[in-house]
Amino acid sequence: MPQQQTNTIMEIDFEKSGGLVPAIVQDADTRNVLMLGYMNEEAYRKTIETKKVTFFSRSRQKLWTKGETSGNFLNLVSIKSDCDNDTLLVRVHPDGPACHKGTDTCWGEKNEKNPLLFLSELQDFIEKRHEEMPEGSYTTSLFKDGLNRMAQKVGEEALEAVIEAVNGTDDRLIYEASDMFYHLIVLLTGKGLRIEDIARELTERHSAGWKKH
């Protein structure tokens, strides 16, 4: 399995490619690839020590810390090595554009987060509530009320969404649908299921060979 760490040194095969390994830089939050650089052992160690991503410049033949002149630092979150220990996946929190041309990525793409990823993060948060059950939390109260109440709330919010769809505004439909999704995720958590389970089911249904049960 690849390793992930930010404060210890991994075994990396720098010699395989003449002392350098490619370092793929990915935004830890959006999951978008920002750029590709190269590290020698010194650059790798400096990245670990300073938590600022440092590369080896092949054109200038020296180390350079991304952002040292622009201020657009890449703040280290984690590093993983691949199965051959000769390529790095560097996850970061960028301070600004990753490309020297001023774009978010070196491919000219916007570094925007897919809003759908938040559904998984929301369930992570709800699962934490389920584990800790803090007093005063509405989510805690739902878990305490049990599965029947959780299921009832999904039905109530679904009905509210239907009403807004027929007689309300788009903004109110979005509001009520958000309530419905939240309560559905709470119900799934109470059943030990994940929102990804629904995504997998829908993916299977989208395939040409899927047959309705």
N, C-alpha and C. Protein backbone atom coordinates (compact mmCIF):
# COMPACT_ATOMS: atom_id res chain seq x y z
N MET A 1 0.85 -1.20 0.00
CA MET A 1 0.00 0.00 0.00
C MET A 1 0.88 1.24 0.00
N PRO A 2 0.51 2.30 -0.76
CA PRO A 2 1.25 3.54 -0.70
C PRO A 2 1.21 4.12 0.70
N GLN A 3 2.23 4.88 1.03
CA GLN A 3 2.30 5.47 2.34
C GLN A 3 1.84 6.92 2.27
N GLN A 4 1.33 7.42 3.39
CA GLN A 4 0.92 8.81 3.48
C GLN A 4 1.48 9.39 4.77
N GLN A 5 2.24 10.45 4.64
CA GLN A 5 2.82 11.05 5.82
C GLN A 5 3.35 12.43 5.46
N THR A 6 3.51 13.27 6.47
CA THR A 6 4.03 14.60 6.22
C THR A 6 5.24 14.92 7.09
N ASN A 7 5.57 14.06 8.02
CA ASN A 7 6.66 14.41 8.93
C ASN A 7 7.70 13.29 9.07
N THR A 8 7.62 12.25 8.26
CA THR A 8 8.64 11.20 8.26
C THR A 8 9.09 10.97 6.82
N ILE A 9 10.21 10.33 6.68
CA ILE A 9 10.83 10.13 5.37
C ILE A 9 10.48 8.75 4.83
N MET A 10 9.96 8.71 3.62
CA MET A 10 9.63 7.44 2.98
C MET A 10 10.83 6.93 2.18
N GLU A 11 10.80 5.65 1.89
CA GLU A 11 11.81 5.06 1.01
C GLU A 11 11.41 5.32 -0.43
N ILE A 12 12.11 6.21 -1.10
CA ILE A 12 11.79 6.58 -2.47
C ILE A 12 12.98 6.27 -3.37
N ASP A 13 12.70 5.69 -4.52
CA ASP A 13 13.76 5.29 -5.45
C ASP A 13 14.14 6.47 -6.34
N PHE A 14 14.99 7.36 -5.80
CA PHE A 14 15.42 8.53 -6.57
C PHE A 14 16.39 8.15 -7.69
N GLU A 15 17.08 7.05 -7.54
CA GLU A 15 18.13 6.69 -8.50
C GLU A 15 17.57 6.14 -9.81
N LYS A 16 16.36 5.62 -9.79
CA LYS A 16 15.79 5.01 -10.99
C LYS A 16 15.74 5.97 -12.16
N SER A 17 15.47 7.25 -11.88
CA SER A 17 15.35 8.25 -12.94
C SER A 17 16.41 9.34 -12.81
N GLY A 18 17.58 8.93 -12.40
CA GLY A 18 18.69 9.87 -12.36
C GLY A 18 18.63 10.87 -11.22
N GLY A 19 18.01 10.49 -10.11
CA GLY A 19 17.99 11.36 -8.94
C GLY A 19 16.72 12.16 -8.77
N LEU A 20 15.82 12.11 -9.74
CA LEU A 20 14.58 12.88 -9.66
C LEU A 20 13.37 11.95 -9.75
N VAL A 21 12.30 12.34 -9.06
CA VAL A 21 11.03 11.63 -9.19
C VAL A 21 9.94 12.66 -9.50
N PRO A 22 8.96 12.30 -10.35
CA PRO A 22 7.85 13.22 -10.59
C PRO A 22 6.97 13.35 -9.36
N ALA A 23 6.47 14.56 -9.13
CA ALA A 23 5.60 14.84 -8.01
C ALA A 23 4.31 15.46 -8.55
N ILE A 24 3.23 14.69 -8.50
CA ILE A 24 1.92 15.16 -8.96
C ILE A 24 1.26 15.90 -7.80
N VAL A 25 0.91 17.17 -8.04
CA VAL A 25 0.36 18.00 -6.97
C VAL A 25 -1.16 18.07 -7.12
N GLN A 26 -1.87 17.72 -6.05
CA GLN A 26 -3.33 17.66 -6.06
C GLN A 26 -3.88 18.50 -4.91
N ASP A 27 -4.93 19.27 -5.18
CA ASP A 27 -5.60 20.01 -4.12
C ASP A 27 -6.30 19.01 -3.20
N ALA A 28 -6.01 19.07 -1.91
CA ALA A 28 -6.55 18.09 -0.97
C ALA A 28 -8.06 18.21 -0.81
N ASP A 29 -8.61 19.38 -1.08
CA ASP A 29 -10.05 19.58 -0.92
C ASP A 29 -10.83 19.33 -2.19
N THR A 30 -10.38 19.91 -3.29
CA THR A 30 -11.14 19.78 -4.55
C THR A 30 -10.81 18.50 -5.29
N ARG A 31 -9.67 17.87 -4.98
CA ARG A 31 -9.16 16.66 -5.64
C ARG A 31 -8.66 16.95 -7.06
N ASN A 32 -8.58 18.22 -7.45
CA ASN A 32 -8.09 18.55 -8.79
C ASN A 32 -6.57 18.52 -8.83
N VAL A 33 -6.01 18.05 -9.95
CA VAL A 33 -4.57 18.06 -10.15
C VAL A 33 -4.15 19.47 -10.55
N LEU A 34 -3.18 20.02 -9.83
CA LEU A 34 -2.78 21.41 -10.04
C LEU A 34 -1.56 21.55 -10.95
N MET A 35 -0.59 20.67 -10.77
CA MET A 35 0.65 20.80 -11.55
C MET A 35 1.49 19.54 -11.38
N LEU A 36 2.56 19.49 -12.13
CA LEU A 36 3.54 18.41 -12.02
C LEU A 36 4.92 19.04 -11.85
N GLY A 37 5.65 18.59 -10.87
CA GLY A 37 7.02 19.03 -10.67
C GLY A 37 7.92 17.83 -10.44
N TYR A 38 9.17 18.11 -10.15
CA TYR A 38 10.14 17.03 -9.89
C TYR A 38 10.86 17.32 -8.58
N MET A 39 11.11 16.26 -7.83
CA MET A 39 11.84 16.37 -6.57
C MET A 39 13.06 15.47 -6.60
N ASN A 40 14.16 16.00 -6.08
CA ASN A 40 15.26 15.12 -5.70
C ASN A 40 15.14 14.88 -4.20
N GLU A 41 16.05 14.15 -3.64
CA GLU A 41 15.91 13.81 -2.21
C GLU A 41 15.94 15.05 -1.34
N GLU A 42 16.78 16.03 -1.70
CA GLU A 42 16.88 17.25 -0.90
C GLU A 42 15.56 18.04 -0.94
N ALA A 43 14.96 18.14 -2.11
CA ALA A 43 13.68 18.85 -2.24
C ALA A 43 12.60 18.15 -1.44
N TYR A 44 12.60 16.83 -1.51
CA TYR A 44 11.61 16.05 -0.77
C TYR A 44 11.75 16.27 0.73
N ARG A 45 12.99 16.22 1.22
CA ARG A 45 13.21 16.40 2.66
C ARG A 45 12.84 17.81 3.10
N LYS A 46 13.14 18.80 2.26
CA LYS A 46 12.79 20.17 2.61
C LYS A 46 11.28 20.36 2.64
N THR A 47 10.58 19.70 1.72
CA THR A 47 9.12 19.75 1.72
C THR A 47 8.56 19.19 3.02
N ILE A 48 9.10 18.07 3.46
CA ILE A 48 8.65 17.44 4.70
C ILE A 48 8.92 18.36 5.90
N GLU A 49 10.10 18.97 5.91
CA GLU A 49 10.50 19.78 7.07
C GLU A 49 9.75 21.10 7.15
N THR A 50 9.56 21.77 6.01
CA THR A 50 8.96 23.11 6.02
C THR A 50 7.46 23.11 5.82
N LYS A 51 6.90 21.99 5.32
CA LYS A 51 5.48 21.89 4.96
C LYS A 51 5.11 22.81 3.80
N LYS A 52 6.11 23.31 3.08
CA LYS A 52 5.92 24.06 1.84
C LYS A 52 6.53 23.24 0.71
N VAL A 53 5.77 22.99 -0.34
CA VAL A 53 6.24 22.09 -1.39
C VAL A 53 7.43 22.71 -2.12
N THR A 54 8.49 21.95 -2.18
CA THR A 54 9.74 22.38 -2.83
C THR A 54 10.08 21.39 -3.93
N PHE A 55 10.49 21.92 -5.07
CA PHE A 55 10.87 21.10 -6.22
C PHE A 55 12.34 21.30 -6.54
N PHE A 56 12.82 20.47 -7.48
CA PHE A 56 14.14 20.70 -8.07
C PHE A 56 13.91 21.18 -9.50
N SER A 57 14.43 22.37 -9.80
CA SER A 57 14.28 22.94 -11.13
C SER A 57 15.28 22.32 -12.08
N ARG A 58 14.79 21.65 -13.10
CA ARG A 58 15.69 21.02 -14.07
C ARG A 58 16.36 22.05 -14.96
N SER A 59 15.71 23.17 -15.21
CA SER A 59 16.31 24.21 -16.06
C SER A 59 17.35 25.03 -15.32
N ARG A 60 17.08 25.32 -14.04
CA ARG A 60 18.02 26.14 -13.25
C ARG A 60 18.97 25.29 -12.41
N GLN A 61 18.68 24.00 -12.35
CA GLN A 61 19.52 23.07 -11.60
C GLN A 61 19.69 23.47 -10.14
N LYS A 62 18.54 23.79 -9.51
CA LYS A 62 18.58 24.12 -8.08
C LYS A 62 17.19 23.94 -7.49
N LEU A 63 17.12 23.93 -6.16
CA LEU A 63 15.85 23.81 -5.47
C LEU A 63 15.03 25.10 -5.63
N TRP A 64 13.73 24.95 -5.67
CA TRP A 64 12.86 26.13 -5.60
C TRP A 64 11.57 25.76 -4.86
N THR A 65 11.24 26.59 -3.91
CA THR A 65 10.00 26.40 -3.16
C THR A 65 8.89 27.13 -3.88
N LYS A 66 7.86 26.42 -4.26
CA LYS A 66 6.75 27.03 -4.98
C LYS A 66 6.16 28.16 -4.13
N GLY A 67 6.12 29.39 -4.69
CA GLY A 67 5.57 30.53 -3.98
C GLY A 67 6.61 31.44 -3.35
N GLU A 68 7.90 31.08 -3.47
CA GLU A 68 8.92 31.88 -2.81
C GLU A 68 9.02 33.30 -3.38
N THR A 69 8.60 33.49 -4.63
CA THR A 69 8.58 34.83 -5.21
C THR A 69 7.16 35.36 -5.38
N SER A 70 6.21 34.49 -5.69
CA SER A 70 4.83 34.91 -5.95
C SER A 70 3.98 34.95 -4.69
N GLY A 71 4.37 34.20 -3.66
CA GLY A 71 3.53 34.08 -2.47
C GLY A 71 2.47 32.99 -2.60
N ASN A 72 2.42 32.34 -3.77
CA ASN A 72 1.42 31.28 -4.00
C ASN A 72 1.97 29.93 -3.54
N PHE A 73 2.13 29.80 -2.25
CA PHE A 73 2.71 28.57 -1.70
C PHE A 73 1.76 27.40 -1.83
N LEU A 74 2.34 26.21 -1.85
CA LEU A 74 1.58 24.96 -1.80
C LEU A 74 1.83 24.36 -0.42
N ASN A 75 0.83 24.46 0.45
CA ASN A 75 0.98 24.01 1.83
C ASN A 75 0.71 22.52 1.93
N LEU A 76 1.70 21.79 2.38
CA LEU A 76 1.66 20.34 2.36
C LEU A 76 0.59 19.79 3.30
N VAL A 77 -0.20 18.85 2.77
CA VAL A 77 -1.16 18.09 3.57
C VAL A 77 -0.66 16.65 3.74
N SER A 78 -0.28 16.02 2.65
CA SER A 78 0.21 14.65 2.72
C SER A 78 1.01 14.30 1.47
N ILE A 79 1.79 13.25 1.58
CA ILE A 79 2.53 12.72 0.44
C ILE A 79 2.33 11.20 0.41
N LYS A 80 2.04 10.69 -0.78
CA LYS A 80 1.97 9.25 -0.99
C LYS A 80 2.95 8.86 -2.08
N SER A 81 3.57 7.72 -1.91
CA SER A 81 4.39 7.16 -2.98
C SER A 81 3.58 6.10 -3.72
N ASP A 82 3.91 5.88 -4.98
CA ASP A 82 3.19 4.87 -5.75
C ASP A 82 3.75 3.49 -5.46
N CYS A 83 3.24 2.49 -6.17
CA CYS A 83 3.61 1.10 -5.90
C CYS A 83 5.08 0.81 -6.16
N ASP A 84 5.72 1.60 -7.05
CA ASP A 84 7.14 1.39 -7.36
C ASP A 84 8.05 2.34 -6.61
N ASN A 85 7.47 3.18 -5.76
CA ASN A 85 8.24 4.16 -4.98
C ASN A 85 9.06 5.11 -5.85
N ASP A 86 8.52 5.43 -7.03
CA ASP A 86 9.27 6.35 -7.89
C ASP A 86 8.39 7.49 -8.44
N THR A 87 7.20 7.65 -7.89
CA THR A 87 6.32 8.76 -8.24
C THR A 87 5.57 9.17 -6.98
N LEU A 88 5.42 10.49 -6.78
CA LEU A 88 4.78 11.00 -5.57
C LEU A 88 3.46 11.67 -5.90
N LEU A 89 2.48 11.46 -5.03
CA LEU A 89 1.23 12.21 -5.07
C LEU A 89 1.27 13.14 -3.86
N VAL A 90 1.31 14.44 -4.14
CA VAL A 90 1.47 15.46 -3.10
C VAL A 90 0.15 16.21 -2.97
N ARG A 91 -0.51 16.04 -1.84
CA ARG A 91 -1.78 16.74 -1.61
C ARG A 91 -1.50 18.02 -0.83
N VAL A 92 -2.14 19.12 -1.26
CA VAL A 92 -1.80 20.43 -0.73
C VAL A 92 -3.04 21.28 -0.51
N HIS A 93 -2.84 22.37 0.22
CA HIS A 93 -3.76 23.48 0.26
C HIS A 93 -3.04 24.66 -0.40
N PRO A 94 -3.45 25.04 -1.61
CA PRO A 94 -2.76 26.11 -2.31
C PRO A 94 -3.14 27.48 -1.77
N ASP A 95 -2.17 28.39 -1.70
CA ASP A 95 -2.45 29.77 -1.29
C ASP A 95 -2.96 30.62 -2.44
N GLY A 96 -2.76 30.17 -3.66
CA GLY A 96 -3.19 30.93 -4.83
C GLY A 96 -3.05 30.08 -6.07
N PRO A 97 -3.00 30.70 -7.24
CA PRO A 97 -2.84 29.94 -8.49
C PRO A 97 -1.58 29.09 -8.46
N ALA A 98 -1.68 27.88 -9.01
CA ALA A 98 -0.52 26.99 -9.04
C ALA A 98 0.40 27.28 -10.21
N CYS A 99 -0.16 27.82 -11.30
CA CYS A 99 0.63 28.03 -12.51
C CYS A 99 1.29 29.41 -12.50
N HIS A 100 2.50 29.48 -13.05
CA HIS A 100 3.21 30.76 -13.11
C HIS A 100 2.53 31.75 -14.05
N LYS A 101 1.59 31.26 -14.88
CA LYS A 101 0.84 32.14 -15.77
C LYS A 101 -0.40 32.72 -15.09
N GLY A 102 -0.61 32.37 -13.84
CA GLY A 102 -1.71 32.95 -13.08
C GLY A 102 -2.99 32.15 -13.07
N THR A 103 -2.99 30.98 -13.72
CA THR A 103 -4.18 30.14 -13.71
C THR A 103 -4.14 29.18 -12.52
N ASP A 104 -5.32 28.69 -12.14
CA ASP A 104 -5.41 27.80 -10.97
C ASP A 104 -4.57 26.55 -11.13
N THR A 105 -4.56 25.99 -12.35
CA THR A 105 -3.78 24.79 -12.63
C THR A 105 -2.89 25.05 -13.84
N CYS A 106 -1.93 24.17 -14.04
CA CYS A 106 -1.03 24.32 -15.19
C CYS A 106 -1.69 23.90 -16.50
N TRP A 107 -2.95 23.49 -16.44
CA TRP A 107 -3.70 23.15 -17.65
C TRP A 107 -4.77 24.21 -17.93
N GLY A 108 -4.71 25.32 -17.19
CA GLY A 108 -5.64 26.41 -17.42
C GLY A 108 -7.04 26.15 -16.92
N GLU A 109 -7.20 25.15 -16.05
CA GLU A 109 -8.52 24.81 -15.54
C GLU A 109 -8.79 25.53 -14.23
N LYS A 110 -10.07 25.73 -13.94
CA LYS A 110 -10.47 26.30 -12.67
C LYS A 110 -10.36 25.24 -11.57
N ASN A 111 -9.80 25.63 -10.46
CA ASN A 111 -9.68 24.71 -9.33
C ASN A 111 -10.92 24.86 -8.45
N GLU A 112 -12.02 24.30 -8.93
CA GLU A 112 -13.29 24.41 -8.22
C GLU A 112 -13.70 23.05 -7.68
N LYS A 113 -14.31 23.07 -6.52
CA LYS A 113 -14.74 21.83 -5.89
C LYS A 113 -16.08 21.40 -6.45
N ASN A 114 -16.20 20.12 -6.75
CA ASN A 114 -17.48 19.57 -7.17
C ASN A 114 -18.42 19.56 -5.97
N PRO A 115 -19.53 20.31 -6.02
CA PRO A 115 -20.42 20.37 -4.86
C PRO A 115 -20.93 19.01 -4.40
N LEU A 116 -20.98 18.04 -5.31
CA LEU A 116 -21.48 16.72 -4.92
C LEU A 116 -20.57 16.04 -3.90
N LEU A 117 -19.28 16.42 -3.88
CA LEU A 117 -18.37 15.84 -2.90
C LEU A 117 -18.80 16.18 -1.48
N PHE A 118 -19.53 17.29 -1.32
CA PHE A 118 -19.94 17.70 0.03
C PHE A 118 -20.91 16.71 0.67
N LEU A 119 -21.67 16.00 -0.15
CA LEU A 119 -22.61 15.03 0.42
C LEU A 119 -21.87 13.97 1.23
N SER A 120 -20.73 13.53 0.71
CA SER A 120 -19.92 12.55 1.44
C SER A 120 -19.33 13.17 2.70
N GLU A 121 -18.87 14.43 2.58
CA GLU A 121 -18.31 15.12 3.75
C GLU A 121 -19.40 15.34 4.81
N LEU A 122 -20.61 15.66 4.34
CA LEU A 122 -21.71 15.86 5.28
C LEU A 122 -21.99 14.58 6.05
N GLN A 123 -21.97 13.44 5.35
CA GLN A 123 -22.22 12.20 6.06
C GLN A 123 -21.10 11.88 7.04
N ASP A 124 -19.86 12.23 6.68
CA ASP A 124 -18.75 12.06 7.63
C ASP A 124 -19.05 12.83 8.92
N PHE A 125 -19.54 14.06 8.74
CA PHE A 125 -19.88 14.90 9.90
C PHE A 125 -21.02 14.28 10.71
N ILE A 126 -22.04 13.80 10.01
CA ILE A 126 -23.19 13.19 10.68
C ILE A 126 -22.78 11.92 11.42
N GLU A 127 -21.88 11.14 10.81
CA GLU A 127 -21.38 9.93 11.49
C GLU A 127 -20.64 10.29 12.78
N LYS A 128 -19.90 11.42 12.71
CA LYS A 128 -19.19 11.86 13.93
C LYS A 128 -20.20 12.24 15.01
N ARG A 129 -21.28 12.90 14.60
CA ARG A 129 -22.35 13.22 15.55
C ARG A 129 -22.92 11.94 16.16
N HIS A 130 -23.08 10.92 15.32
CA HIS A 130 -23.64 9.64 15.78
C HIS A 130 -22.72 8.98 16.80
N GLU A 131 -21.43 9.13 16.60
CA GLU A 131 -20.46 8.53 17.52
C GLU A 131 -20.39 9.31 18.85
N GLU A 132 -20.39 10.64 18.74
CA GLU A 132 -20.17 11.47 19.93
C GLU A 132 -21.46 11.86 20.63
N MET A 133 -22.56 11.97 19.90
CA MET A 133 -23.88 12.32 20.44
C MET A 133 -23.81 13.55 21.36
N PRO A 134 -23.32 14.67 20.84
CA PRO A 134 -23.22 15.87 21.70
C PRO A 134 -24.60 16.41 22.06
N GLU A 135 -24.73 16.87 23.28
CA GLU A 135 -26.00 17.44 23.75
C GLU A 135 -26.29 18.74 23.01
N GLY A 136 -27.56 18.99 22.74
CA GLY A 136 -27.96 20.22 22.09
C GLY A 136 -27.92 20.17 20.58
N SER A 137 -27.47 19.06 20.01
CA SER A 137 -27.40 18.91 18.56
C SER A 137 -28.72 18.35 18.02
N TYR A 138 -29.25 18.97 16.97
CA TYR A 138 -30.48 18.47 16.35
C TYR A 138 -30.25 17.07 15.79
N THR A 139 -29.06 16.84 15.21
CA THR A 139 -28.75 15.52 14.67
C THR A 139 -28.75 14.47 15.77
N THR A 140 -28.19 14.82 16.91
CA THR A 140 -28.21 13.92 18.06
C THR A 140 -29.64 13.56 18.45
N SER A 141 -30.52 14.56 18.45
CA SER A 141 -31.91 14.32 18.84
C SER A 141 -32.59 13.34 17.88
N LEU A 142 -32.24 13.42 16.60
CA LEU A 142 -32.82 12.49 15.63
C LEU A 142 -32.37 11.06 15.91
N PHE A 143 -31.09 10.90 16.21
CA PHE A 143 -30.60 9.55 16.51
C PHE A 143 -31.24 9.01 17.78
N LYS A 144 -31.43 9.89 18.76
CA LYS A 144 -32.06 9.45 20.00
C LYS A 144 -33.52 9.04 19.79
N ASP A 145 -34.19 9.70 18.85
CA ASP A 145 -35.60 9.40 18.59
C ASP A 145 -35.79 8.07 17.87
N GLY A 146 -34.74 7.58 17.20
CA GLY A 146 -34.81 6.26 16.59
C GLY A 146 -35.14 6.27 15.11
N LEU A 147 -35.07 5.08 14.51
CA LEU A 147 -35.23 4.93 13.06
C LEU A 147 -36.62 5.34 12.57
N ASN A 148 -37.65 5.01 13.33
CA ASN A 148 -39.00 5.36 12.89
C ASN A 148 -39.15 6.87 12.71
N ARG A 149 -38.64 7.63 13.67
CA ARG A 149 -38.73 9.09 13.59
C ARG A 149 -37.88 9.63 12.44
N MET A 150 -36.70 9.03 12.26
CA MET A 150 -35.84 9.46 11.16
C MET A 150 -36.52 9.22 9.82
N ALA A 151 -37.12 8.06 9.66
CA ALA A 151 -37.83 7.74 8.42
C ALA A 151 -39.02 8.68 8.21
N GLN A 152 -39.74 8.97 9.31
CA GLN A 152 -40.87 9.89 9.22
C GLN A 152 -40.43 11.27 8.74
N LYS A 153 -39.28 11.75 9.24
CA LYS A 153 -38.78 13.06 8.84
C LYS A 153 -38.42 13.09 7.35
N VAL A 154 -37.88 11.99 6.83
CA VAL A 154 -37.59 11.93 5.39
C VAL A 154 -38.88 12.09 4.61
N GLY A 155 -39.94 11.39 5.04
CA GLY A 155 -41.22 11.49 4.36
C GLY A 155 -41.81 12.89 4.43
N GLU A 156 -41.73 13.51 5.60
CA GLU A 156 -42.25 14.87 5.76
C GLU A 156 -41.53 15.86 4.85
N GLU A 157 -40.22 15.76 4.83
CA GLU A 157 -39.45 16.70 4.01
C GLU A 157 -39.64 16.42 2.52
N ALA A 158 -39.82 15.16 2.15
CA ALA A 158 -40.09 14.84 0.74
C ALA A 158 -41.42 15.46 0.32
N LEU A 159 -42.41 15.40 1.20
CA LEU A 159 -43.70 16.00 0.89
C LEU A 159 -43.57 17.51 0.73
N GLU A 160 -42.81 18.14 1.61
CA GLU A 160 -42.59 19.58 1.50
C GLU A 160 -41.93 19.92 0.17
N ALA A 161 -40.98 19.09 -0.28
CA ALA A 161 -40.32 19.34 -1.56
C ALA A 161 -41.31 19.22 -2.71
N VAL A 162 -42.20 18.23 -2.63
CA VAL A 162 -43.22 18.07 -3.67
C VAL A 162 -44.13 19.29 -3.73
N ILE A 163 -44.56 19.77 -2.57
CA ILE A 163 -45.44 20.94 -2.52
C ILE A 163 -44.77 22.15 -3.16
N GLU A 164 -43.50 22.38 -2.84
CA GLU A 164 -42.79 23.52 -3.41
C GLU A 164 -42.58 23.35 -4.91
N ALA A 165 -42.39 22.10 -5.35
CA ALA A 165 -42.20 21.86 -6.78
C ALA A 165 -43.46 22.21 -7.56
N VAL A 166 -44.61 21.95 -6.97
CA VAL A 166 -45.88 22.17 -7.65
C VAL A 166 -46.37 23.62 -7.50
N ASN A 167 -46.23 24.16 -6.29
CA ASN A 167 -46.86 25.46 -6.02
C ASN A 167 -45.88 26.54 -5.55
N GLY A 168 -44.62 26.20 -5.38
CA GLY A 168 -43.67 27.16 -4.80
C GLY A 168 -42.68 27.71 -5.81
N THR A 169 -41.60 28.21 -5.26
CA THR A 169 -40.53 28.79 -6.07
C THR A 169 -39.36 27.83 -6.16
N ASP A 170 -38.47 28.09 -7.10
CA ASP A 170 -37.28 27.25 -7.23
C ASP A 170 -36.42 27.31 -5.96
N ASP A 171 -36.30 28.52 -5.39
CA ASP A 171 -35.50 28.65 -4.18
C ASP A 171 -36.09 27.83 -3.04
N ARG A 172 -37.41 27.83 -2.89
CA ARG A 172 -38.03 27.05 -1.83
C ARG A 172 -37.92 25.56 -2.10
N LEU A 173 -37.97 25.17 -3.37
CA LEU A 173 -37.79 23.75 -3.71
C LEU A 173 -36.40 23.29 -3.32
N ILE A 174 -35.40 24.11 -3.63
CA ILE A 174 -34.02 23.76 -3.27
C ILE A 174 -33.89 23.66 -1.75
N TYR A 175 -34.52 24.58 -1.05
CA TYR A 175 -34.45 24.59 0.42
C TYR A 175 -35.05 23.31 1.00
N GLU A 176 -36.24 22.95 0.55
CA GLU A 176 -36.91 21.77 1.08
C GLU A 176 -36.21 20.48 0.64
N ALA A 177 -35.71 20.47 -0.59
CA ALA A 177 -34.97 19.28 -1.06
C ALA A 177 -33.70 19.09 -0.25
N SER A 178 -33.07 20.20 0.16
CA SER A 178 -31.88 20.11 1.00
C SER A 178 -32.22 19.49 2.35
N ASP A 179 -33.36 19.91 2.92
CA ASP A 179 -33.82 19.29 4.17
C ASP A 179 -34.03 17.78 3.97
N MET A 180 -34.63 17.42 2.83
CA MET A 180 -34.90 16.01 2.56
C MET A 180 -33.60 15.21 2.47
N PHE A 181 -32.61 15.76 1.75
CA PHE A 181 -31.34 15.06 1.61
C PHE A 181 -30.66 14.90 2.97
N TYR A 182 -30.68 15.95 3.76
CA TYR A 182 -30.05 15.88 5.09
C TYR A 182 -30.68 14.77 5.93
N HIS A 183 -31.99 14.74 5.98
CA HIS A 183 -32.66 13.73 6.80
C HIS A 183 -32.48 12.32 6.22
N LEU A 184 -32.37 12.23 4.90
CA LEU A 184 -32.10 10.93 4.29
C LEU A 184 -30.72 10.42 4.69
N ILE A 185 -29.73 11.32 4.70
CA ILE A 185 -28.38 10.92 5.09
C ILE A 185 -28.34 10.51 6.56
N VAL A 186 -29.09 11.21 7.40
CA VAL A 186 -29.19 10.81 8.80
C VAL A 186 -29.78 9.41 8.91
N LEU A 187 -30.84 9.14 8.14
CA LEU A 187 -31.46 7.82 8.15
C LEU A 187 -30.48 6.75 7.67
N LEU A 188 -29.77 7.03 6.59
CA LEU A 188 -28.78 6.07 6.08
C LEU A 188 -27.72 5.78 7.14
N THR A 189 -27.28 6.83 7.82
CA THR A 189 -26.27 6.65 8.87
C THR A 189 -26.81 5.78 9.99
N GLY A 190 -28.06 6.01 10.37
CA GLY A 190 -28.68 5.18 11.40
C GLY A 190 -28.78 3.71 11.00
N LYS A 191 -28.86 3.46 9.69
CA LYS A 191 -28.94 2.09 9.19
C LYS A 191 -27.56 1.50 8.86
N GLY A 192 -26.50 2.29 9.10
CA GLY A 192 -25.16 1.80 8.79
C GLY A 192 -24.84 1.83 7.31
N LEU A 193 -25.53 2.68 6.57
CA LEU A 193 -25.33 2.79 5.12
C LEU A 193 -24.71 4.15 4.78
N ARG A 194 -24.25 4.27 3.54
CA ARG A 194 -23.61 5.51 3.09
C ARG A 194 -24.31 6.05 1.85
N ILE A 195 -24.18 7.35 1.63
CA ILE A 195 -24.71 7.97 0.43
C ILE A 195 -24.05 7.38 -0.82
N GLU A 196 -22.81 6.91 -0.66
CA GLU A 196 -22.12 6.26 -1.78
C GLU A 196 -22.79 4.96 -2.19
N ASP A 197 -23.50 4.31 -1.26
CA ASP A 197 -24.24 3.10 -1.61
C ASP A 197 -25.34 3.42 -2.62
N ILE A 198 -25.98 4.57 -2.45
CA ILE A 198 -26.99 5.00 -3.41
C ILE A 198 -26.34 5.34 -4.75
N ALA A 199 -25.19 5.99 -4.69
CA ALA A 199 -24.49 6.34 -5.94
C ALA A 199 -24.10 5.08 -6.71
N ARG A 200 -23.66 4.05 -5.99
CA ARG A 200 -23.29 2.79 -6.66
C ARG A 200 -24.52 2.14 -7.30
N GLU A 201 -25.65 2.17 -6.60
CA GLU A 201 -26.87 1.60 -7.14
C GLU A 201 -27.29 2.33 -8.42
N LEU A 202 -27.23 3.65 -8.39
CA LEU A 202 -27.60 4.43 -9.57
C LEU A 202 -26.63 4.19 -10.72
N THR A 203 -25.34 4.00 -10.39
CA THR A 203 -24.34 3.70 -11.41
C THR A 203 -24.66 2.38 -12.10
N GLU A 204 -25.04 1.37 -11.30
CA GLU A 204 -25.40 0.07 -11.87
C GLU A 204 -26.63 0.19 -12.76
N ARG A 205 -27.60 1.00 -12.31
CA ARG A 205 -28.81 1.18 -13.11
C ARG A 205 -28.53 1.87 -14.45
N HIS A 206 -27.47 2.65 -14.48
CA HIS A 206 -27.13 3.41 -15.70
C HIS A 206 -26.46 2.52 -16.75
N SER A 207 -25.99 1.33 -16.34
CA SER A 207 -25.32 0.45 -17.27
C SER A 207 -26.34 -0.19 -18.22
N ALA A 208 -25.88 -0.53 -19.40
CA ALA A 208 -26.77 -1.06 -20.45
C ALA A 208 -27.40 -2.40 -20.05
N GLY A 209 -26.69 -3.18 -19.24
CA GLY A 209 -27.19 -4.50 -18.90
C GLY A 209 -28.06 -4.57 -17.66
N TRP A 210 -28.35 -3.41 -17.05
CA TRP A 210 -29.13 -3.42 -15.81
C TRP A 210 -30.59 -3.77 -16.06
N LYS A 211 -31.12 -4.64 -15.21
CA LYS A 211 -32.53 -5.00 -15.32
C LYS A 211 -33.22 -4.68 -14.02
N LYS A 212 -34.39 -4.05 -14.13
CA LYS A 212 -35.14 -3.67 -12.95
C LYS A 212 -35.53 -4.90 -12.15
N HIS A 213 -35.40 -4.83 -10.83
CA HIS A 213 -35.74 -5.98 -9.97
C HIS A 213 -37.23 -6.27 -10.04
